[in-house]
Protein backbone atom coordinates (compact mmCIF):
# COMPACT_ATOMS: atom_id res chain seq x y z
CA UNK A 1 89.15 125.60 23.14
CA UNK A 2 88.70 129.35 23.64
CA UNK A 3 91.53 131.07 25.46
CA UNK A 4 90.62 134.31 27.20
CA UNK A 5 93.02 137.10 26.36
CA UNK A 6 94.80 138.87 29.22
CA UNK A 7 94.31 142.61 29.27
CA UNK A 8 97.48 144.73 29.31
CA UNK A 9 97.21 147.63 31.77
CA UNK A 10 99.42 150.70 31.33
CA UNK A 11 99.44 153.21 34.20
CA UNK A 12 101.08 156.63 33.95
CA UNK A 13 101.41 159.45 36.42
CA UNK A 14 101.83 162.92 34.91
CA UNK A 15 102.83 165.62 37.40
CA UNK A 16 101.59 163.36 40.16
CA UNK A 17 103.23 160.98 42.59
CA UNK A 18 101.69 157.57 43.13
CA UNK A 19 101.28 156.36 46.67
CA UNK A 20 101.38 152.80 47.88
CA UNK A 21 98.36 150.86 46.81
CA UNK A 22 97.10 153.17 44.06
CA UNK A 23 98.50 150.96 41.29
CA UNK A 24 96.98 147.88 42.93
CA UNK A 25 93.62 149.62 43.36
CA UNK A 26 93.36 150.70 39.73
CA UNK A 27 94.58 147.32 38.48
CA UNK A 28 91.86 145.54 40.48
CA UNK A 29 89.11 147.94 39.39
CA UNK A 30 90.10 147.83 35.72
CA UNK A 31 90.44 144.05 35.70
CA UNK A 32 86.79 143.79 36.78
CA UNK A 33 85.78 145.59 33.57
CA UNK A 34 86.48 142.37 31.66
CA UNK A 35 83.18 141.07 33.10
CA UNK A 36 81.42 143.64 30.92
CA UNK A 37 83.47 142.95 27.78
CA UNK A 38 85.80 139.97 27.44
CA UNK A 39 87.47 141.41 24.33
CA UNK A 40 89.36 144.26 26.04
CA UNK A 41 92.90 144.17 24.70
CA UNK A 42 94.50 146.92 26.75
CA UNK A 43 93.79 149.69 29.19
CA UNK A 44 95.63 153.02 29.39
CA UNK A 45 95.28 154.84 32.69
CA UNK A 46 96.60 158.37 33.22
CA UNK A 47 96.65 160.16 36.56
CA UNK A 48 97.32 163.89 36.50
CA UNK A 49 96.91 167.01 38.53
CA UNK A 50 94.75 169.86 37.31
CA UNK A 51 96.31 173.31 37.61
CA UNK A 52 93.03 174.73 38.89
CA UNK A 53 92.65 175.91 42.46
CA UNK A 54 89.59 173.71 42.98
CA UNK A 55 89.57 171.01 45.66
CA UNK A 56 88.82 168.43 42.96
CA UNK A 57 92.18 168.69 41.22
CA UNK A 58 93.00 164.98 40.75
CA UNK A 59 92.17 163.57 37.31
CA UNK A 60 91.94 159.97 36.15
CA UNK A 61 91.63 159.20 32.45
CA UNK A 62 91.01 155.63 31.34
CA UNK A 63 90.95 154.38 27.76
CA UNK A 64 89.91 150.80 27.05
CA UNK A 65 91.16 149.36 23.77
CA UNK A 66 88.45 147.09 22.37
CA UNK A 67 88.29 145.78 18.79
CA UNK A 68 85.76 147.86 16.89
CA UNK A 69 85.09 150.38 19.65
CA UNK A 70 87.31 151.93 22.30
CA UNK A 71 85.87 153.36 25.50
CA UNK A 72 87.09 156.48 27.30
CA UNK A 73 86.32 158.15 30.63
CA UNK A 74 87.82 161.17 32.37
CA UNK A 75 86.85 162.05 35.93
CA UNK A 76 87.96 164.61 38.54
CA UNK A 77 87.87 164.23 42.31
CA UNK A 78 89.60 165.26 45.53
CA UNK A 79 91.65 162.04 45.48
CA UNK A 80 93.04 159.80 42.77
CA UNK A 81 91.16 156.85 44.27
CA UNK A 82 87.83 158.63 43.95
CA UNK A 83 88.63 159.82 40.41
CA UNK A 84 89.56 156.26 39.42
CA UNK A 85 86.37 154.86 40.94
CA UNK A 86 84.27 157.44 39.10
CA UNK A 87 86.05 156.73 35.80
CA UNK A 88 85.59 152.96 36.13
CA UNK A 89 81.90 153.47 36.95
CA UNK A 90 81.52 155.67 33.85
CA UNK A 91 83.14 152.96 31.72
CA UNK A 92 80.82 150.32 33.16
CA UNK A 93 77.82 152.45 32.18
CA UNK A 94 79.21 152.98 28.67
CA UNK A 95 79.81 149.27 28.15
CA UNK A 96 76.37 148.30 29.50
CA UNK A 97 74.74 150.87 27.23
CA UNK A 98 76.72 149.64 24.21
CA UNK A 99 75.84 146.02 24.99
CA UNK A 100 72.14 146.89 25.33
CA UNK A 101 72.06 148.65 21.95
CA UNK A 102 73.86 145.79 20.19
CA UNK A 103 71.87 142.92 21.68
């Protein structure tokens, strides 16, 4: 019987303070990525603040550890939630594109 592996999710905040619910939000969004690739071993998420004076100074970087090919996305937005959503969407596109080229 095949046992689906549970993805380990590491979340770090560099020069940023997490607010209630942000960890839960990113955990839920990242967990949904397993629908695109069931072989994801781990996910590293980094939230940081850009030193720029732009309104979009919140950065979310996500790296998915997948045997044979890791995926990475980095997105900026006015909020960490929006940056995380954009990064997850970028990863979805990458995984769909990779799946289409290898099918």
